[in-house]
Amino acid sequence: MSRPDDALFRIRVETFAVIRKLLPVALLAGALVGPLLIAEPTTGKWLSALLFLVVLVGLHLASRLPLYPAHTFGIEYRFEEVPLEGERRRCVRCATLVASGVRRQYARQLVVLGVPIHTLEWEQRLLWRLHRTR
């Protein structure tokens, strides 16, 4: 059974979703305005442009990450299975020849606002045991 929905849980989920949407806007605005307020106008202008570009590239790279729900914080586990087709190999369990299999990937990640910040553990296994051939 999944967690039942209630008003406080829904408010929490939606609040973190809005924060995750507004955070990039705030970072870009801070990168543009911050150096202008701290440094001299000519230096601040170039610093502002450089910092804006760095934040923009960082946000682009972060947008390609697989995301968790926006209200997720802490250590999370990810498990994925990808079917594979290819040449015949020996099964890791029964040692018979097989023609297709599965790649299993496991990851344990540190997550903030649903964005994986750091991967603590990662493992990948190839299992060639789905379809036996004779």
N, C-alpha and C. Protein backbone atom coordinates (compact mmCIF):
# COMPACT_ATOMS: atom_id res chain seq x y z
N MET A 1 0.85 -1.19 0.00
CA MET A 1 0.00 0.00 0.00
C MET A 1 0.88 1.24 0.00
N SER A 2 0.55 2.18 -0.83
CA SER A 2 1.31 3.43 -0.85
C SER A 2 0.78 4.38 0.23
N ARG A 3 1.54 5.42 0.48
CA ARG A 3 1.18 6.37 1.53
C ARG A 3 -0.12 7.07 1.16
N PRO A 4 -1.09 7.13 2.11
CA PRO A 4 -2.33 7.84 1.81
C PRO A 4 -2.09 9.35 1.70
N ASP A 5 -2.84 9.99 0.83
CA ASP A 5 -2.70 11.42 0.63
C ASP A 5 -3.42 12.19 1.73
N ASP A 6 -2.81 13.26 2.22
CA ASP A 6 -3.49 14.17 3.13
C ASP A 6 -3.03 15.59 2.80
N ALA A 7 -3.65 16.59 3.40
CA ALA A 7 -3.38 17.98 3.05
C ALA A 7 -1.94 18.39 3.38
N LEU A 8 -1.43 18.01 4.56
CA LEU A 8 -0.08 18.41 4.93
C LEU A 8 0.97 17.78 4.03
N PHE A 9 0.79 16.51 3.69
CA PHE A 9 1.72 15.85 2.79
C PHE A 9 1.70 16.50 1.41
N ARG A 10 0.50 16.79 0.90
CA ARG A 10 0.37 17.41 -0.43
C ARG A 10 0.99 18.81 -0.43
N ILE A 11 0.81 19.59 0.65
CA ILE A 11 1.42 20.92 0.74
C ILE A 11 2.94 20.81 0.74
N ARG A 12 3.47 19.83 1.48
CA ARG A 12 4.92 19.62 1.53
C ARG A 12 5.45 19.26 0.14
N VAL A 13 4.80 18.34 -0.54
CA VAL A 13 5.24 17.92 -1.87
C VAL A 13 5.21 19.08 -2.85
N GLU A 14 4.12 19.83 -2.87
CA GLU A 14 3.99 20.94 -3.82
C GLU A 14 4.94 22.08 -3.49
N THR A 15 5.20 22.32 -2.21
CA THR A 15 6.14 23.38 -1.82
C THR A 15 7.54 23.08 -2.34
N PHE A 16 8.00 21.84 -2.16
CA PHE A 16 9.32 21.50 -2.65
C PHE A 16 9.37 21.48 -4.17
N ALA A 17 8.27 21.16 -4.83
CA ALA A 17 8.23 21.21 -6.29
C ALA A 17 8.39 22.65 -6.78
N VAL A 18 7.73 23.60 -6.10
CA VAL A 18 7.85 25.02 -6.47
C VAL A 18 9.26 25.52 -6.19
N ILE A 19 9.84 25.10 -5.05
CA ILE A 19 11.21 25.52 -4.73
C ILE A 19 12.17 25.01 -5.80
N ARG A 20 11.99 23.76 -6.23
CA ARG A 20 12.89 23.21 -7.26
C ARG A 20 12.73 23.95 -8.58
N LYS A 21 11.55 24.47 -8.88
CA LYS A 21 11.34 25.24 -10.12
C LYS A 21 11.92 26.65 -10.01
N LEU A 22 11.81 27.28 -8.82
CA LEU A 22 12.26 28.66 -8.66
C LEU A 22 13.74 28.80 -8.34
N LEU A 23 14.37 27.74 -7.84
CA LEU A 23 15.78 27.81 -7.46
C LEU A 23 16.69 28.18 -8.64
N PRO A 24 16.52 27.61 -9.84
CA PRO A 24 17.37 28.05 -10.95
C PRO A 24 17.20 29.53 -11.30
N VAL A 25 15.98 30.04 -11.21
CA VAL A 25 15.74 31.46 -11.49
C VAL A 25 16.46 32.33 -10.46
N ALA A 26 16.38 31.93 -9.19
CA ALA A 26 17.06 32.68 -8.14
C ALA A 26 18.58 32.62 -8.30
N LEU A 27 19.11 31.47 -8.67
CA LEU A 27 20.56 31.36 -8.89
C LEU A 27 21.02 32.25 -10.05
N LEU A 28 20.28 32.26 -11.15
CA LEU A 28 20.65 33.11 -12.29
C LEU A 28 20.54 34.59 -11.95
N ALA A 29 19.49 34.98 -11.22
CA ALA A 29 19.33 36.38 -10.81
C ALA A 29 20.44 36.79 -9.85
N GLY A 30 20.79 35.92 -8.92
CA GLY A 30 21.88 36.22 -8.00
C GLY A 30 23.22 36.33 -8.71
N ALA A 31 23.43 35.49 -9.73
CA ALA A 31 24.68 35.56 -10.49
C ALA A 31 24.78 36.86 -11.28
N LEU A 32 23.64 37.37 -11.75
CA LEU A 32 23.65 38.62 -12.50
C LEU A 32 23.80 39.84 -11.61
N VAL A 33 23.06 39.89 -10.51
CA VAL A 33 22.99 41.08 -9.68
C VAL A 33 24.06 41.11 -8.60
N GLY A 34 24.41 39.95 -8.04
CA GLY A 34 25.34 39.90 -6.92
C GLY A 34 26.67 40.60 -7.16
N PRO A 35 27.40 40.28 -8.22
CA PRO A 35 28.69 40.96 -8.44
C PRO A 35 28.55 42.47 -8.68
N LEU A 36 27.43 42.90 -9.24
CA LEU A 36 27.23 44.33 -9.47
C LEU A 36 27.10 45.09 -8.16
N LEU A 37 26.55 44.45 -7.14
CA LEU A 37 26.37 45.10 -5.84
C LEU A 37 27.65 45.08 -5.01
N ILE A 38 28.50 44.10 -5.22
CA ILE A 38 29.69 43.93 -4.37
C ILE A 38 30.92 44.61 -4.96
N ALA A 39 31.16 44.43 -6.25
CA ALA A 39 32.39 44.94 -6.88
C ALA A 39 32.15 46.29 -7.55
N GLU A 40 33.25 46.86 -8.06
CA GLU A 40 33.16 48.10 -8.84
C GLU A 40 32.33 47.84 -10.10
N PRO A 41 31.71 48.84 -10.68
CA PRO A 41 30.83 48.63 -11.83
C PRO A 41 31.50 47.94 -13.02
N THR A 42 32.72 48.33 -13.38
CA THR A 42 33.35 47.70 -14.55
C THR A 42 33.76 46.26 -14.25
N THR A 43 34.33 46.01 -13.08
CA THR A 43 34.71 44.65 -12.71
C THR A 43 33.47 43.80 -12.46
N GLY A 44 32.47 44.38 -11.81
CA GLY A 44 31.24 43.66 -11.50
C GLY A 44 30.50 43.21 -12.74
N LYS A 45 30.58 44.03 -13.79
CA LYS A 45 29.91 43.68 -15.05
C LYS A 45 30.49 42.40 -15.63
N TRP A 46 31.82 42.30 -15.67
CA TRP A 46 32.46 41.11 -16.22
C TRP A 46 32.30 39.90 -15.30
N LEU A 47 32.40 40.14 -14.01
CA LEU A 47 32.18 39.07 -13.05
C LEU A 47 30.75 38.53 -13.14
N SER A 48 29.81 39.44 -13.31
CA SER A 48 28.41 39.06 -13.44
C SER A 48 28.19 38.19 -14.67
N ALA A 49 28.77 38.59 -15.79
CA ALA A 49 28.62 37.81 -17.02
C ALA A 49 29.26 36.43 -16.89
N LEU A 50 30.43 36.36 -16.28
CA LEU A 50 31.13 35.09 -16.10
C LEU A 50 30.37 34.18 -15.15
N LEU A 51 29.91 34.72 -14.03
CA LEU A 51 29.17 33.93 -13.05
C LEU A 51 27.83 33.45 -13.62
N PHE A 52 27.18 34.29 -14.41
CA PHE A 52 25.92 33.90 -15.06
C PHE A 52 26.16 32.72 -16.00
N LEU A 53 27.25 32.76 -16.77
CA LEU A 53 27.58 31.68 -17.69
C LEU A 53 27.89 30.39 -16.93
N VAL A 54 28.63 30.48 -15.83
CA VAL A 54 28.96 29.30 -15.03
C VAL A 54 27.69 28.67 -14.45
N VAL A 55 26.80 29.49 -13.91
CA VAL A 55 25.55 28.98 -13.35
C VAL A 55 24.68 28.38 -14.45
N LEU A 56 24.64 29.00 -15.61
CA LEU A 56 23.84 28.48 -16.73
C LEU A 56 24.35 27.11 -17.18
N VAL A 57 25.66 26.94 -17.29
CA VAL A 57 26.23 25.64 -17.67
C VAL A 57 25.95 24.60 -16.59
N GLY A 58 26.10 24.99 -15.32
CA GLY A 58 25.80 24.07 -14.22
C GLY A 58 24.35 23.62 -14.22
N LEU A 59 23.43 24.53 -14.47
CA LEU A 59 22.01 24.18 -14.53
C LEU A 59 21.71 23.28 -15.72
N HIS A 60 22.38 23.51 -16.83
CA HIS A 60 22.18 22.65 -18.00
C HIS A 60 22.65 21.23 -17.71
N LEU A 61 23.81 21.10 -17.07
CA LEU A 61 24.31 19.78 -16.73
C LEU A 61 23.42 19.09 -15.70
N ALA A 62 22.91 19.83 -14.74
CA ALA A 62 22.02 19.25 -13.72
C ALA A 62 20.68 18.85 -14.31
N SER A 63 20.25 19.49 -15.38
CA SER A 63 18.95 19.16 -15.97
C SER A 63 18.95 17.78 -16.62
N ARG A 64 20.12 17.23 -16.92
CA ARG A 64 20.21 15.91 -17.54
C ARG A 64 20.22 14.78 -16.53
N LEU A 65 20.25 15.10 -15.24
CA LEU A 65 20.29 14.06 -14.21
C LEU A 65 18.93 13.41 -14.04
N PRO A 66 18.91 12.12 -13.73
CA PRO A 66 17.63 11.49 -13.40
C PRO A 66 17.17 12.00 -12.04
N LEU A 67 15.97 12.53 -11.98
CA LEU A 67 15.49 13.17 -10.76
C LEU A 67 14.60 12.25 -9.93
N TYR A 68 14.63 12.46 -8.64
CA TYR A 68 13.70 11.86 -7.70
C TYR A 68 12.56 12.86 -7.49
N PRO A 69 11.50 12.50 -6.77
CA PRO A 69 10.47 13.49 -6.46
C PRO A 69 11.08 14.69 -5.72
N ALA A 70 10.52 15.88 -5.93
CA ALA A 70 11.11 17.12 -5.41
C ALA A 70 11.21 17.16 -3.90
N HIS A 71 10.40 16.41 -3.17
CA HIS A 71 10.44 16.44 -1.71
C HIS A 71 11.43 15.44 -1.12
N THR A 72 12.30 14.85 -1.95
CA THR A 72 13.23 13.82 -1.51
C THR A 72 14.54 14.44 -1.02
N PHE A 73 14.93 14.08 0.21
CA PHE A 73 16.19 14.49 0.81
C PHE A 73 16.85 13.27 1.43
N GLY A 74 18.18 13.22 1.46
CA GLY A 74 18.88 12.15 2.16
C GLY A 74 19.45 11.11 1.20
N ILE A 75 19.64 9.89 1.73
CA ILE A 75 20.22 8.79 0.96
C ILE A 75 19.09 8.03 0.27
N GLU A 76 19.20 7.86 -1.05
CA GLU A 76 18.19 7.15 -1.83
C GLU A 76 18.86 6.05 -2.63
N TYR A 77 18.08 5.01 -2.93
CA TYR A 77 18.56 3.88 -3.71
C TYR A 77 17.85 3.86 -5.05
N ARG A 78 18.61 3.59 -6.11
CA ARG A 78 18.05 3.51 -7.46
C ARG A 78 18.40 2.14 -8.02
N PHE A 79 17.44 1.51 -8.66
CA PHE A 79 17.62 0.19 -9.26
C PHE A 79 17.01 0.24 -10.65
N GLU A 80 17.79 -0.14 -11.66
CA GLU A 80 17.30 -0.14 -13.04
C GLU A 80 17.67 -1.44 -13.72
N GLU A 81 16.79 -1.92 -14.59
CA GLU A 81 17.06 -3.09 -15.42
C GLU A 81 16.90 -2.70 -16.87
N VAL A 82 17.91 -3.04 -17.68
CA VAL A 82 17.89 -2.73 -19.12
C VAL A 82 18.04 -4.05 -19.87
N PRO A 83 17.07 -4.42 -20.72
CA PRO A 83 17.21 -5.66 -21.49
C PRO A 83 18.31 -5.54 -22.54
N LEU A 84 19.05 -6.63 -22.73
CA LEU A 84 20.15 -6.65 -23.70
C LEU A 84 19.95 -7.79 -24.69
N GLU A 85 20.32 -7.54 -25.92
CA GLU A 85 20.34 -8.57 -26.96
C GLU A 85 21.75 -8.57 -27.53
N GLY A 86 22.25 -9.72 -27.87
CA GLY A 86 23.60 -9.75 -28.43
C GLY A 86 24.07 -11.16 -28.67
N GLU A 87 25.40 -11.34 -28.67
CA GLU A 87 25.95 -12.66 -28.93
C GLU A 87 25.66 -13.60 -27.76
N ARG A 88 25.84 -14.86 -28.00
CA ARG A 88 25.55 -15.86 -26.98
C ARG A 88 26.66 -15.87 -25.93
N ARG A 89 26.26 -15.94 -24.66
CA ARG A 89 27.20 -15.98 -23.55
C ARG A 89 26.75 -17.00 -22.53
N ARG A 90 27.63 -17.28 -21.61
CA ARG A 90 27.30 -18.19 -20.52
C ARG A 90 26.54 -17.46 -19.43
N CYS A 91 25.50 -18.10 -18.93
CA CYS A 91 24.71 -17.55 -17.83
C CYS A 91 25.55 -17.57 -16.56
N VAL A 92 25.42 -16.53 -15.73
CA VAL A 92 26.20 -16.47 -14.50
C VAL A 92 25.66 -17.43 -13.44
N ARG A 93 24.43 -17.89 -13.61
CA ARG A 93 23.82 -18.77 -12.61
C ARG A 93 23.88 -20.25 -13.01
N CYS A 94 23.47 -20.59 -14.23
CA CYS A 94 23.35 -22.00 -14.61
C CYS A 94 24.41 -22.45 -15.61
N ALA A 95 25.24 -21.55 -16.13
CA ALA A 95 26.36 -21.84 -17.03
C ALA A 95 25.94 -22.38 -18.40
N THR A 96 24.67 -22.23 -18.81
CA THR A 96 24.26 -22.63 -20.15
C THR A 96 24.39 -21.43 -21.10
N LEU A 97 24.44 -21.71 -22.39
CA LEU A 97 24.52 -20.63 -23.37
C LEU A 97 23.17 -19.94 -23.52
N VAL A 98 23.19 -18.62 -23.50
CA VAL A 98 21.97 -17.84 -23.66
C VAL A 98 22.21 -16.73 -24.67
N ALA A 99 21.13 -16.23 -25.30
CA ALA A 99 21.26 -15.23 -26.35
C ALA A 99 20.87 -13.82 -25.91
N SER A 100 20.16 -13.67 -24.81
CA SER A 100 19.77 -12.33 -24.36
C SER A 100 19.81 -12.30 -22.83
N GLY A 101 19.77 -11.11 -22.30
CA GLY A 101 19.86 -10.99 -20.85
C GLY A 101 19.45 -9.62 -20.36
N VAL A 102 19.89 -9.29 -19.15
CA VAL A 102 19.50 -8.05 -18.49
C VAL A 102 20.74 -7.41 -17.87
N ARG A 103 20.86 -6.10 -17.99
CA ARG A 103 21.88 -5.36 -17.26
C ARG A 103 21.19 -4.72 -16.06
N ARG A 104 21.67 -5.03 -14.87
CA ARG A 104 21.11 -4.46 -13.64
C ARG A 104 22.09 -3.42 -13.10
N GLN A 105 21.55 -2.26 -12.78
CA GLN A 105 22.36 -1.18 -12.23
C GLN A 105 21.79 -0.78 -10.87
N TYR A 106 22.68 -0.66 -9.89
CA TYR A 106 22.30 -0.25 -8.55
C TYR A 106 23.07 1.03 -8.22
N ALA A 107 22.42 1.95 -7.54
CA ALA A 107 23.11 3.17 -7.10
C ALA A 107 22.56 3.61 -5.76
N ARG A 108 23.45 4.08 -4.89
CA ARG A 108 23.06 4.70 -3.63
C ARG A 108 23.54 6.13 -3.71
N GLN A 109 22.62 7.10 -3.62
CA GLN A 109 22.95 8.48 -3.90
C GLN A 109 22.50 9.42 -2.78
N LEU A 110 23.26 10.51 -2.60
CA LEU A 110 22.87 11.60 -1.71
C LEU A 110 22.00 12.56 -2.51
N VAL A 111 20.77 12.82 -2.02
CA VAL A 111 19.79 13.57 -2.80
C VAL A 111 19.34 14.81 -2.00
N VAL A 112 19.28 15.97 -2.69
CA VAL A 112 18.77 17.20 -2.11
C VAL A 112 17.75 17.78 -3.09
N LEU A 113 16.54 18.03 -2.63
CA LEU A 113 15.44 18.54 -3.47
C LEU A 113 15.19 17.65 -4.67
N GLY A 114 15.42 16.35 -4.52
CA GLY A 114 15.18 15.41 -5.59
C GLY A 114 16.29 15.32 -6.62
N VAL A 115 17.37 16.08 -6.44
CA VAL A 115 18.49 16.08 -7.38
C VAL A 115 19.63 15.28 -6.76
N PRO A 116 20.12 14.24 -7.46
CA PRO A 116 21.26 13.48 -6.91
C PRO A 116 22.53 14.32 -6.93
N ILE A 117 23.06 14.57 -5.73
CA ILE A 117 24.25 15.41 -5.58
C ILE A 117 25.53 14.58 -5.70
N HIS A 118 25.54 13.40 -5.05
CA HIS A 118 26.75 12.57 -5.03
C HIS A 118 26.35 11.10 -5.01
N THR A 119 27.02 10.27 -5.81
CA THR A 119 26.77 8.83 -5.81
C THR A 119 27.73 8.18 -4.83
N LEU A 120 27.17 7.53 -3.81
CA LEU A 120 27.97 6.89 -2.77
C LEU A 120 28.43 5.50 -3.19
N GLU A 121 27.56 4.74 -3.83
CA GLU A 121 27.89 3.40 -4.33
C GLU A 121 27.26 3.22 -5.69
N TRP A 122 27.91 2.40 -6.51
CA TRP A 122 27.39 2.12 -7.83
C TRP A 122 27.87 0.74 -8.25
N GLU A 123 26.98 -0.04 -8.81
CA GLU A 123 27.34 -1.38 -9.27
C GLU A 123 26.52 -1.71 -10.50
N GLN A 124 27.16 -2.44 -11.41
CA GLN A 124 26.49 -2.85 -12.65
C GLN A 124 26.80 -4.32 -12.88
N ARG A 125 25.77 -5.09 -13.16
CA ARG A 125 25.93 -6.52 -13.42
C ARG A 125 25.24 -6.87 -14.72
N LEU A 126 25.86 -7.78 -15.47
CA LEU A 126 25.25 -8.32 -16.67
C LEU A 126 24.76 -9.72 -16.35
N LEU A 127 23.50 -9.97 -16.55
CA LEU A 127 22.92 -11.29 -16.33
C LEU A 127 22.39 -11.81 -17.65
N TRP A 128 23.00 -12.84 -18.17
CA TRP A 128 22.59 -13.44 -19.44
C TRP A 128 21.84 -14.72 -19.14
N ARG A 129 20.58 -14.62 -18.74
CA ARG A 129 19.87 -15.85 -18.37
C ARG A 129 18.39 -15.83 -18.69
N LEU A 130 17.92 -14.94 -19.48
CA LEU A 130 16.49 -14.88 -19.74
C LEU A 130 16.00 -15.96 -20.69
N HIS A 131 16.61 -16.07 -21.87
CA HIS A 131 16.14 -17.00 -22.88
C HIS A 131 17.23 -18.02 -23.18
N ARG A 132 16.98 -19.24 -22.88
CA ARG A 132 17.96 -20.29 -23.16
C ARG A 132 17.85 -20.70 -24.62
N THR A 133 19.00 -20.93 -25.23
CA THR A 133 19.02 -21.42 -26.61
C THR A 133 19.64 -22.80 -26.62
N ARG A 134 19.26 -23.63 -27.57
CA ARG A 134 19.79 -25.00 -27.64
C ARG A 134 20.65 -25.19 -28.84
